[in-house]
Amino acid sequence: METEINGFIIYLHSVKKTSENTMLSYKRDLVKVKRYLEEQGIKDVRKVTSTNLNSYVLYLEKNKFSAATISRNIASLKAFYHYMYREGIVNKDAAQGLHAPKIEKKMPEILSTRDVVKLLEQPEGDSPKEIRDKAMLELLYATGIRVTELTNLKTGDVNMQVGYILCRDGEKERVIPFGNSAKNALMRYLEKARTNLIPDGKSEYLFVNCSGQPMSRQGFWKLLKYYAKKAGIAGDITPHTLRHCFAAHLVENGADLRSVQEMLGHSDISTTQIYANMNQNRIREVYARAHPRY
């Protein structure tokens, strides 16, 4: 099955031009299926039946995986088997009858503007690390990019004069502007900190760790947790929280959905619509609290 999975990933990259994040997600899901099937004594992809795949879904449900995780696994299986059936690798699409569970859509966690400011103010020292951390936090909130997009930025992706970054997600590119707060933090980082973090000065990556290597997702996650705790912000703050805050605060202050969609890189505007719905809910709450005849 490993050969077929690798072939599928190559197809996604070369033909479908799928983003790196999506390809990694597909591969993770399919490798887990492969391990499960091998434990059942099934190693040949041509011998996998719809019953086998349904038993895998039941296994996920029994082990209390979330509806979102199960749905994503089913989507991965459907895409994989559709590819194999079309390529003639299998003579039947065993995933065709799989049905995803209903997912209760939850509103994303959004920090208030005041809490975001408190968070961004936490790296206040003059050490190269704190200057770097400040620049990363400011740029993440200023642009709403994903943490992998942040850590993959190269120095050539930043136009300081005009104030925008070129963000790459697989074969797709988008240009996102940033304001003066992020610009000032970036300039300070580039002028006073970055060269101290890169002993040989050869890295093309914009943000590096204290060893001069590209900053990892896990490394940024840890520093975000640290600064959130330092700011006294309760709750589970993730890098994606700042992406949600970026979008919600823009919509709240009058940005049109189409522009926010382009900056976030959403392929479907219905994904962006959630931020407009959140804003409408907030307006209703304000009205209910303030109107004397409510």
C-alpha atoms as a PDB file:
ATOM      1  CA  MET A   1       0.000   0.000   0.000  1.00  0.00           C
ATOM      2  CA  GLU A   2       2.992   2.282   0.590  1.00  0.00           C
ATOM      3  CA  THR A   3       3.751   2.406  -3.152  1.00  0.00           C
ATOM      4  CA  GLU A   4       0.185   3.463  -3.949  1.00  0.00           C
ATOM      5  CA  ILE A   5       0.181   6.130  -1.236  1.00  0.00           C
ATOM      6  CA  ASN A   6       3.434   7.598  -2.558  1.00  0.00           C
ATOM      7  CA  GLY A   7       2.029   7.578  -6.082  1.00  0.00           C
ATOM      8  CA  PHE A   8      -1.081   9.385  -4.853  1.00  0.00           C
ATOM      9  CA  ILE A   9       1.009  12.080  -3.135  1.00  0.00           C
ATOM     10  CA  ILE A  10       3.076  12.581  -6.314  1.00  0.00           C
ATOM     11  CA  TYR A  11      -0.184  12.921  -8.267  1.00  0.00           C
ATOM     12  CA  LEU A  12      -1.481  15.539  -5.819  1.00  0.00           C
ATOM     13  CA  HIS A  13       1.734  17.516  -6.110  1.00  0.00           C
ATOM     14  CA  SER A  14       2.353  17.343  -9.854  1.00  0.00           C
ATOM     15  CA  VAL A  15      -1.169  17.190 -11.283  1.00  0.00           C
ATOM     16  CA  LYS A  16      -3.575  18.654  -8.721  1.00  0.00           C
ATOM     17  CA  LYS A  17      -1.083  21.262  -7.427  1.00  0.00           C
ATOM     18  CA  THR A  18      -2.323  20.544  -3.921  1.00  0.00           C
ATOM     19  CA  SER A  19      -0.910  22.604  -1.046  1.00  0.00           C
ATOM     20  CA  GLU A  20       1.852  21.151   1.103  1.00  0.00           C
ATOM     21  CA  ASN A  21      -0.356  21.151   4.202  1.00  0.00           C
ATOM     22  CA  THR A  22      -3.118  19.197   2.466  1.00  0.00           C
ATOM     23  CA  MET A  23      -0.684  16.636   1.059  1.00  0.00           C
ATOM     24  CA  LEU A  24       0.843  16.077   4.506  1.00  0.00           C
ATOM     25  CA  SER A  25      -2.629  15.657   5.985  1.00  0.00           C
ATOM     26  CA  TYR A  26      -3.609  13.077   3.344  1.00  0.00           C
ATOM     27  CA  LYS A  27      -0.392  11.150   3.849  1.00  0.00           C
ATOM     28  CA  ARG A  28      -0.732  11.080   7.650  1.00  0.00           C
ATOM     29  CA  ASP A  29      -4.287   9.759   7.403  1.00  0.00           C
ATOM     30  CA  LEU A  30      -3.445   7.117   4.802  1.00  0.00           C
ATOM     31  CA  VAL A  31      -0.387   5.847   6.673  1.00  0.00           C
ATOM     32  CA  LYS A  32      -2.604   5.291   9.726  1.00  0.00           C
ATOM     33  CA  VAL A  33      -5.083   3.334   7.593  1.00  0.00           C
ATOM     34  CA  LYS A  34      -2.206   1.292   6.173  1.00  0.00           C
ATOM     35  CA  ARG A  35      -1.010   0.366   9.684  1.00  0.00           C
ATOM     36  CA  TYR A  36      -4.526  -0.600  10.749  1.00  0.00           C
ATOM     37  CA  LEU A  37      -5.066  -2.819   7.711  1.00  0.00           C
ATOM     38  CA  GLU A  38      -1.668  -4.479   8.120  1.00  0.00           C
ATOM     39  CA  GLU A  39      -2.608  -5.334  11.705  1.00  0.00           C
ATOM     40  CA  GLN A  40      -5.656  -7.058  10.214  1.00  0.00           C
ATOM     41  CA  GLY A  41      -3.356  -9.038   7.903  1.00  0.00           C
ATOM     42  CA  ILE A  42      -4.168  -6.977   4.778  1.00  0.00           C
ATOM     43  CA  LYS A  43      -1.137  -5.669   2.901  1.00  0.00           C
ATOM     44  CA  ASP A  44      -2.359  -5.672  -0.699  1.00  0.00           C
ATOM     45  CA  VAL A  45      -4.457  -2.605  -1.537  1.00  0.00           C
ATOM     46  CA  ARG A  46      -6.408  -4.672  -4.093  1.00  0.00           C
ATOM     47  CA  LYS A  47      -7.730  -6.905  -1.329  1.00  0.00           C
ATOM     48  CA  VAL A  48      -9.201  -4.066   0.749  1.00  0.00           C
ATOM     49  CA  THR A  49     -12.996  -4.160   0.809  1.00  0.00           C
ATOM     50  CA  SER A  50     -15.630  -1.618   1.787  1.00  0.00           C
ATOM     51  CA  THR A  51     -16.181  -3.711   4.932  1.00  0.00           C
ATOM     52  CA  ASN A  52     -12.510  -3.261   5.880  1.00  0.00           C
ATOM     53  CA  LEU A  53     -12.756   0.511   5.474  1.00  0.00           C
ATOM     54  CA  ASN A  54     -16.021   0.670   7.411  1.00  0.00           C
ATOM     55  CA  SER A  55     -14.392  -1.278  10.228  1.00  0.00           C
ATOM     56  CA  TYR A  56     -11.611   1.319  10.279  1.00  0.00           C
ATOM     57  CA  VAL A  57     -14.178   4.116  10.646  1.00  0.00           C
ATOM     58  CA  LEU A  58     -15.832   2.158  13.487  1.00  0.00           C
ATOM     59  CA  TYR A  59     -12.383   1.773  15.080  1.00  0.00           C
ATOM     60  CA  LEU A  60     -11.942   5.567  15.004  1.00  0.00           C
ATOM     61  CA  GLU A  61     -15.381   6.088  16.545  1.00  0.00           C
ATOM     62  CA  LYS A  62     -14.737   3.466  19.239  1.00  0.00           C
ATOM     63  CA  ASN A  63     -11.495   5.206  20.190  1.00  0.00           C
ATOM     64  CA  LYS A  64     -13.319   8.523  20.644  1.00  0.00           C
ATOM     65  CA  PHE A  65     -11.783  10.398  17.723  1.00  0.00           C
ATOM     66  CA  SER A  66     -13.641  13.622  17.004  1.00  0.00           C
ATOM     67  CA  ALA A  67     -16.210  13.869  14.223  1.00  0.00           C
ATOM     68  CA  ALA A  68     -13.915  16.333  12.429  1.00  0.00           C
ATOM     69  CA  THR A  69     -10.982  13.887  12.537  1.00  0.00           C
ATOM     70  CA  ILE A  70     -13.132  10.998  11.306  1.00  0.00           C
ATOM     71  CA  SER A  71     -14.547  13.155   8.493  1.00  0.00           C
ATOM     72  CA  ARG A  72     -11.051  14.156   7.421  1.00  0.00           C
ATOM     73  CA  ASN A  73      -9.927  10.510   7.378  1.00  0.00           C
ATOM     74  CA  ILE A  74     -12.920   9.568   5.255  1.00  0.00           C
ATOM     75  CA  ALA A  75     -12.180  12.435   2.859  1.00  0.00           C
ATOM     76  CA  SER A  76      -8.600  11.179   2.553  1.00  0.00           C
ATOM     77  CA  LEU A  77      -9.776   7.642   1.838  1.00  0.00           C
ATOM     78  CA  LYS A  78     -12.313   8.797  -0.753  1.00  0.00           C
ATOM     79  CA  ALA A  79      -9.716  10.904  -2.590  1.00  0.00           C
ATOM     80  CA  PHE A  80      -7.182   8.053  -2.471  1.00  0.00           C
ATOM     81  CA  TYR A  81      -9.574   5.409  -3.779  1.00  0.00           C
ATOM     82  CA  HIS A  82     -11.002   7.702  -6.425  1.00  0.00           C
ATOM     83  CA  TYR A  83      -7.428   8.182  -7.683  1.00  0.00           C
ATOM     84  CA  MET A  84      -6.668   4.449  -7.626  1.00  0.00           C
ATOM     85  CA  TYR A  85      -9.923   3.523  -9.381  1.00  0.00           C
ATOM     86  CA  ARG A  86      -9.342   6.146 -12.073  1.00  0.00           C
ATOM     87  CA  GLU A  87      -5.770   4.931 -12.575  1.00  0.00           C
ATOM     88  CA  GLY A  88      -6.921   1.305 -12.848  1.00  0.00           C
ATOM     89  CA  ILE A  89      -4.994   0.209  -9.746  1.00  0.00           C
ATOM     90  CA  VAL A  90      -8.199  -1.209  -8.227  1.00  0.00           C
ATOM     91  CA  ASN A  91     -11.304  -2.350 -10.074  1.00  0.00           C
ATOM     92  CA  LYS A  92     -13.713  -1.100  -7.424  1.00  0.00           C
ATOM     93  CA  ASP A  93     -13.900   2.061  -5.307  1.00  0.00           C
ATOM     94  CA  ALA A  94     -14.059   0.573  -1.812  1.00  0.00           C
ATOM     95  CA  ALA A  95     -14.431   4.010  -0.179  1.00  0.00           C
ATOM     96  CA  GLN A  96     -17.456   5.067  -2.191  1.00  0.00           C
ATOM     97  CA  GLY A  97     -19.982   4.033   0.456  1.00  0.00           C
ATOM     98  CA  LEU A  98     -18.252   5.710   3.401  1.00  0.00           C
ATOM     99  CA  HIS A  99     -20.307   8.441   5.068  1.00  0.00           C
ATOM    100  CA  ALA A 100     -18.842  11.208   7.194  1.00  0.00           C
ATOM    101  CA  PRO A 101     -20.454  11.937  10.575  1.00  0.00           C
ATOM    102  CA  LYS A 102     -22.266  15.201  11.094  1.00  0.00           C
ATOM    103  CA  ILE A 103     -19.971  17.883  12.468  1.00  0.00           C
ATOM    104  CA  GLU A 104     -21.247  20.466  14.867  1.00  0.00           C
ATOM    105  CA  LYS A 105     -19.746  23.722  13.664  1.00  0.00           C
ATOM    106  CA  LYS A 106     -18.158  25.594  16.524  1.00  0.00           C
ATOM    107  CA  MET A 107     -17.332  29.242  16.473  1.00  0.00           C
ATOM    108  CA  PRO A 108     -13.544  29.720  16.609  1.00  0.00           C
ATOM    109  CA  GLU A 109     -11.971  31.143  19.732  1.00  0.00           C
ATOM    110  CA  ILE A 110     -11.443  34.881  19.276  1.00  0.00           C
ATOM    111  CA  LEU A 111      -9.437  37.137  21.571  1.00  0.00           C
ATOM    112  CA  SER A 112     -10.532  40.689  22.172  1.00  0.00           C
ATOM    113  CA  THR A 113      -8.404  43.418  20.620  1.00  0.00           C
ATOM    114  CA  ARG A 114      -7.218  44.295  24.119  1.00  0.00           C
ATOM    115  CA  ASP A 115      -5.996  40.727  24.766  1.00  0.00           C
ATOM    116  CA  VAL A 116      -4.236  40.573  21.402  1.00  0.00           C
ATOM    117  CA  VAL A 117      -2.408  43.812  22.221  1.00  0.00           C
ATOM    118  CA  LYS A 118      -1.414  42.392  25.629  1.00  0.00           C
ATOM    119  CA  LEU A 119      -0.057  39.285  23.923  1.00  0.00           C
ATOM    120  CA  LEU A 120       1.917  41.232  21.325  1.00  0.00           C
ATOM    121  CA  GLU A 121       3.435  43.424  24.036  1.00  0.00           C
ATOM    122  CA  GLN A 122       4.913  40.504  25.998  1.00  0.00           C
ATOM    123  CA  PRO A 123       8.252  40.158  24.128  1.00  0.00           C
ATOM    124  CA  GLU A 124       9.599  43.503  25.352  1.00  0.00           C
ATOM    125  CA  GLY A 125      13.278  42.810  25.934  1.00  0.00           C
ATOM    126  CA  ASP A 126      16.327  43.584  23.779  1.00  0.00           C
ATOM    127  CA  SER A 127      17.658  40.042  23.373  1.00  0.00           C
ATOM    128  CA  PRO A 128      17.759  38.662  19.794  1.00  0.00           C
ATOM    129  CA  LYS A 129      15.211  36.002  20.789  1.00  0.00           C
ATOM    130  CA  GLU A 130      12.666  38.479  22.175  1.00  0.00           C
ATOM    131  CA  ILE A 131      13.105  40.815  19.216  1.00  0.00           C
ATOM    132  CA  ARG A 132      12.490  37.842  16.900  1.00  0.00           C
ATOM    133  CA  ASP A 133       9.465  36.684  18.917  1.00  0.00           C
ATOM    134  CA  LYS A 134       7.957  40.167  18.773  1.00  0.00           C
ATOM    135  CA  ALA A 135       8.371  40.282  14.980  1.00  0.00           C
ATOM    136  CA  MET A 136       6.817  36.843  14.530  1.00  0.00           C
ATOM    137  CA  LEU A 137       3.781  37.611  16.678  1.00  0.00           C
ATOM    138  CA  GLU A 138       3.223  40.996  15.042  1.00  0.00           C
ATOM    139  CA  LEU A 139       3.507  39.573  11.523  1.00  0.00           C
ATOM    140  CA  LEU A 140       1.205  36.643  12.285  1.00  0.00           C
ATOM    141  CA  TYR A 141      -1.551  38.932  13.553  1.00  0.00           C
ATOM    142  CA  ALA A 142      -0.918  41.519  10.830  1.00  0.00           C
ATOM    143  CA  THR A 143      -1.324  39.040   7.973  1.00  0.00           C
ATOM    144  CA  GLY A 144      -3.400  36.122   9.276  1.00  0.00           C
ATOM    145  CA  ILE A 145      -1.081  33.564   7.673  1.00  0.00           C
ATOM    146  CA  ARG A 146      -0.837  29.989   8.908  1.00  0.00           C
ATOM    147  CA  VAL A 147       2.022  29.045  11.224  1.00  0.00           C
ATOM    148  CA  THR A 148       3.626  26.848   8.531  1.00  0.00           C
ATOM    149  CA  GLU A 149       3.473  29.767   6.119  1.00  0.00           C
ATOM    150  CA  LEU A 150       5.104  31.977   8.749  1.00  0.00           C
ATOM    151  CA  THR A 151       7.959  29.558   9.434  1.00  0.00           C
ATOM    152  CA  ASN A 152       8.507  28.945   5.690  1.00  0.00           C
ATOM    153  CA  LEU A 153       8.886  32.636   4.826  1.00  0.00           C
ATOM    154  CA  LYS A 154      12.176  33.568   3.143  1.00  0.00           C
ATOM    155  CA  THR A 155      13.818  36.964   3.422  1.00  0.00           C
ATOM    156  CA  GLY A 156      13.024  37.545  -0.252  1.00  0.00           C
ATOM    157  CA  ASP A 157       9.306  37.115   0.444  1.00  0.00           C
ATOM    158  CA  VAL A 158       9.162  40.368   2.395  1.00  0.00           C
ATOM    159  CA  ASN A 159       8.890  43.770   0.729  1.00  0.00           C
ATOM    160  CA  MET A 160       9.657  46.230   3.507  1.00  0.00           C
ATOM    161  CA  GLN A 161       9.381  49.323   1.306  1.00  0.00           C
ATOM    162  CA  VAL A 162       5.817  48.684   0.150  1.00  0.00           C
ATOM    163  CA  GLY A 163       4.790  46.645   3.206  1.00  0.00           C
ATOM    164  CA  TYR A 164       3.672  43.217   2.018  1.00  0.00           C
ATOM    165  CA  ILE A 165       4.694  39.569   2.126  1.00  0.00           C
ATOM    166  CA  LEU A 166       4.527  36.979  -0.636  1.00  0.00           C
ATOM    167  CA  CYS A 167       2.988  33.879   0.900  1.00  0.00           C
ATOM    168  CA  ARG A 168       3.332  30.485  -0.781  1.00  0.00           C
ATOM    169  CA  ASP A 169       1.046  27.537  -0.127  1.00  0.00           C
ATOM    170  CA  GLY A 170       2.119  24.744  -2.437  1.00  0.00           C
ATOM    171  CA  GLU A 171       1.848  26.065  -5.995  1.00  0.00           C
ATOM    172  CA  LYS A 172      -0.421  28.938  -4.931  1.00  0.00           C
ATOM    173  CA  GLU A 173       0.819  32.412  -4.048  1.00  0.00           C
ATOM    174  CA  ARG A 174      -0.894  35.386  -2.464  1.00  0.00           C
ATOM    175  CA  VAL A 175       0.255  38.874  -1.552  1.00  0.00           C
ATOM    176  CA  ILE A 176      -0.729  40.146   1.902  1.00  0.00           C
ATOM    177  CA  PRO A 177      -0.107  43.671   3.200  1.00  0.00           C
ATOM    178  CA  PHE A 178       1.038  44.481   6.721  1.00  0.00           C
ATOM    179  CA  GLY A 179       0.952  47.687   8.743  1.00  0.00           C
ATOM    180  CA  ASN A 180       3.427  49.841  10.613  1.00  0.00           C
ATOM    181  CA  SER A 181       3.473  47.830  13.862  1.00  0.00           C
ATOM    182  CA  ALA A 182       4.596  44.694  12.038  1.00  0.00           C
ATOM    183  CA  LYS A 183       6.926  46.715   9.803  1.00  0.00           C
ATOM    184  CA  ASN A 184       8.689  48.309  12.768  1.00  0.00           C
ATOM    185  CA  ALA A 185       9.043  44.960  14.541  1.00  0.00           C
ATOM    186  CA  LEU A 186      10.419  43.331  11.374  1.00  0.00           C
ATOM    187  CA  MET A 187      12.911  46.130  10.727  1.00  0.00           C
ATOM    188  CA  ARG A 188      14.183  45.891  14.294  1.00  0.00           C
ATOM    189  CA  TYR A 189      14.524  42.116  13.951  1.00  0.00           C
ATOM    190  CA  LEU A 190      16.384  42.320  10.623  1.00  0.00           C
ATOM    191  CA  GLU A 191      18.694  45.103  11.776  1.00  0.00           C
ATOM    192  CA  LYS A 192      19.449  44.023  15.352  1.00  0.00           C
ATOM    193  CA  ALA A 193      18.642  40.359  15.927  1.00  0.00           C
ATOM    194  CA  ARG A 194      18.674  38.091  12.885  1.00  0.00           C
ATOM    195  CA  THR A 195      22.415  38.288  12.192  1.00  0.00           C
ATOM    196  CA  ASN A 196      23.116  37.352  15.828  1.00  0.00           C
ATOM    197  CA  LEU A 197      21.012  34.200  15.443  1.00  0.00           C
ATOM    198  CA  ILE A 198      22.739  33.053  12.232  1.00  0.00           C
ATOM    199  CA  PRO A 199      26.455  32.476  12.860  1.00  0.00           C
ATOM    200  CA  ASP A 200      27.376  32.037   9.179  1.00  0.00           C
ATOM    201  CA  GLY A 201      24.701  34.417   7.836  1.00  0.00           C
ATOM    202  CA  LYS A 202      23.694  31.968   5.117  1.00  0.00           C
ATOM    203  CA  SER A 203      20.110  31.041   5.974  1.00  0.00           C
ATOM    204  CA  GLU A 204      17.453  32.161   3.487  1.00  0.00           C
ATOM    205  CA  TYR A 205      14.673  31.721   6.038  1.00  0.00           C
ATOM    206  CA  LEU A 206      13.279  34.873   7.590  1.00  0.00           C
ATOM    207  CA  PHE A 207      12.813  33.459  11.086  1.00  0.00           C
ATOM    208  CA  VAL A 208      15.373  31.154  12.680  1.00  0.00           C
ATOM    209  CA  ASN A 209      15.812  29.585  16.102  1.00  0.00           C
ATOM    210  CA  CYS A 210      18.669  30.215  18.506  1.00  0.00           C
ATOM    211  CA  SER A 211      20.818  27.670  16.624  1.00  0.00           C
ATOM    212  CA  GLY A 212      20.385  29.469  13.317  1.00  0.00           C
ATOM    213  CA  GLN A 213      18.046  26.787  11.926  1.00  0.00           C
ATOM    214  CA  PRO A 214      14.597  27.561  10.483  1.00  0.00           C
ATOM    215  CA  MET A 215      12.020  28.074  13.222  1.00  0.00           C
ATOM    216  CA  SER A 216       9.769  25.038  13.550  1.00  0.00           C
ATOM    217  CA  ARG A 217       6.007  24.974  14.036  1.00  0.00           C
ATOM    218  CA  GLN A 218       6.508  23.332  17.424  1.00  0.00           C
ATOM    219  CA  GLY A 219       9.049  25.959  18.450  1.00  0.00           C
ATOM    220  CA  PHE A 220       6.684  28.799  17.616  1.00  0.00           C
ATOM    221  CA  TRP A 221       3.800  27.003  19.340  1.00  0.00           C
ATOM    222  CA  LYS A 222       5.834  26.831  22.570  1.00  0.00           C
ATOM    223  CA  LEU A 223       6.790  30.504  22.533  1.00  0.00           C
ATOM    224  CA  LEU A 224       3.174  31.510  21.845  1.00  0.00           C
ATOM    225  CA  LYS A 225       1.998  29.458  24.844  1.00  0.00           C
ATOM    226  CA  TYR A 226       4.664  31.095  26.975  1.00  0.00           C
ATOM    227  CA  TYR A 227       3.687  34.650  26.034  1.00  0.00           C
ATOM    228  CA  ALA A 228      -0.054  33.926  26.354  1.00  0.00           C
ATOM    229  CA  LYS A 229       0.516  32.680  29.903  1.00  0.00           C
ATOM    230  CA  LYS A 230       2.713  35.681  30.635  1.00  0.00           C
ATOM    231  CA  ALA A 231      -0.062  37.987  29.381  1.00  0.00           C
ATOM    232  CA  GLY A 232      -2.556  36.296  31.693  1.00  0.00           C
ATOM    233  CA  ILE A 233      -4.726  35.077  28.809  1.00  0.00           C
ATOM    234  CA  ALA A 234      -6.821  32.090  29.809  1.00  0.00           C
ATOM    235  CA  GLY A 235      -7.810  29.348  27.414  1.00  0.00           C
ATOM    236  CA  ASP A 236      -6.021  27.284  24.817  1.00  0.00           C
ATOM    237  CA  ILE A 237      -4.256  29.786  22.556  1.00  0.00           C
ATOM    238  CA  THR A 238      -2.836  28.371  19.326  1.00  0.00           C
ATOM    239  CA  PRO A 239      -1.191  30.000  16.292  1.00  0.00           C
ATOM    240  CA  HIS A 240      -4.516  29.553  14.494  1.00  0.00           C
ATOM    241  CA  THR A 241      -6.165  31.708  17.177  1.00  0.00           C
ATOM    242  CA  LEU A 242      -4.283  34.740  15.851  1.00  0.00           C
ATOM    243  CA  ARG A 243      -5.391  33.853  12.309  1.00  0.00           C
ATOM    244  CA  HIS A 244      -9.009  33.838  13.505  1.00  0.00           C
ATOM    245  CA  CYS A 245      -8.453  37.125  15.352  1.00  0.00           C
ATOM    246  CA  PHE A 246      -6.971  38.720  12.243  1.00  0.00           C
ATOM    247  CA  ALA A 247     -10.042  37.819  10.172  1.00  0.00           C
ATOM    248  CA  ALA A 248     -12.670  38.537  12.824  1.00  0.00           C
ATOM    249  CA  HIS A 249     -11.207  41.932  13.740  1.00  0.00           C
ATOM    250  CA  LEU A 250     -10.979  42.955  10.072  1.00  0.00           C
ATOM    251  CA  VAL A 251     -14.637  42.037   9.439  1.00  0.00           C
ATOM    252  CA  GLU A 252     -15.679  43.700  12.687  1.00  0.00           C
ATOM    253  CA  ASN A 253     -14.067  46.935  11.510  1.00  0.00           C
ATOM    254  CA  GLY A 254     -15.703  46.930   8.092  1.00  0.00           C
ATOM    255  CA  ALA A 255     -13.478  44.844   5.806  1.00  0.00           C
ATOM    256  CA  ASP A 256     -15.349  43.121   2.974  1.00  0.00           C
ATOM    257  CA  LEU A 257     -15.448  39.327   2.994  1.00  0.00           C
ATOM    258  CA  ARG A 258     -13.955  38.908  -0.472  1.00  0.00           C
ATOM    259  CA  SER A 259     -10.774  40.771   0.526  1.00  0.00           C
ATOM    260  CA  VAL A 260     -10.492  38.804   3.774  1.00  0.00           C
ATOM    261  CA  GLN A 261     -10.983  35.588   1.789  1.00  0.00           C
ATOM    262  CA  GLU A 262      -8.098  36.474  -0.532  1.00  0.00           C
ATOM    263  CA  MET A 263      -5.775  37.364   2.334  1.00  0.00           C
ATOM    264  CA  LEU A 264      -6.578  34.141   4.201  1.00  0.00           C
ATOM    265  CA  GLY A 265      -6.211  32.060   1.043  1.00  0.00           C
ATOM    266  CA  HIS A 266      -9.637  30.427   1.376  1.00  0.00           C
ATOM    267  CA  SER A 267     -10.730  28.756  -1.868  1.00  0.00           C
ATOM    268  CA  ASP A 268     -14.412  29.043  -0.894  1.00  0.00           C
ATOM    269  CA  ILE A 269     -15.927  32.226   0.543  1.00  0.00           C
ATOM    270  CA  SER A 270     -18.340  30.135   2.630  1.00  0.00           C
ATOM    271  CA  THR A 271     -15.342  29.314   4.844  1.00  0.00           C
ATOM    272  CA  THR A 272     -14.788  33.035   5.404  1.00  0.00           C
ATOM    273  CA  GLN A 273     -18.487  33.643   6.051  1.00  0.00           C
ATOM    274  CA  ILE A 274     -18.128  32.393   9.625  1.00  0.00           C
ATOM    275  CA  TYR A 275     -16.429  35.661  10.596  1.00  0.00           C
ATOM    276  CA  ALA A 276     -19.364  37.689   9.288  1.00  0.00           C
ATOM    277  CA  ASN A 277     -21.726  35.467  11.279  1.00  0.00           C
ATOM    278  CA  MET A 278     -19.644  36.061  14.385  1.00  0.00           C
ATOM    279  CA  ASN A 279     -19.848  39.802  13.843  1.00  0.00           C
ATOM    280  CA  GLN A 280     -23.636  39.648  13.479  1.00  0.00           C
ATOM    281  CA  ASN A 281     -23.881  37.685  16.727  1.00  0.00           C
ATOM    282  CA  ARG A 282     -21.734  40.275  18.494  1.00  0.00           C
ATOM    283  CA  ILE A 283     -23.939  43.118  17.191  1.00  0.00           C
ATOM    284  CA  ARG A 284     -27.042  41.332  18.488  1.00  0.00           C
ATOM    285  CA  GLU A 285     -25.417  40.896  21.918  1.00  0.00           C
ATOM    286  CA  VAL A 286     -24.505  44.603  22.047  1.00  0.00           C
ATOM    287  CA  TYR A 287     -28.064  45.522  21.054  1.00  0.00           C
ATOM    288  CA  ALA A 288     -29.564  43.229  23.686  1.00  0.00           C
ATOM    289  CA  ARG A 289     -27.404  44.748  26.416  1.00  0.00           C
ATOM    290  CA  ALA A 290     -27.845  48.371  25.380  1.00  0.00           C
ATOM    291  CA  HIS A 291     -31.350  48.887  23.991  1.00  0.00           C
ATOM    292  CA  PRO A 292     -33.837  49.997  26.673  1.00  0.00           C
ATOM    293  CA  ARG A 293     -36.784  48.286  24.933  1.00  0.00           C
ATOM    294  CA  TYR A 294     -35.131  44.959  24.166  1.00  0.00           C
END
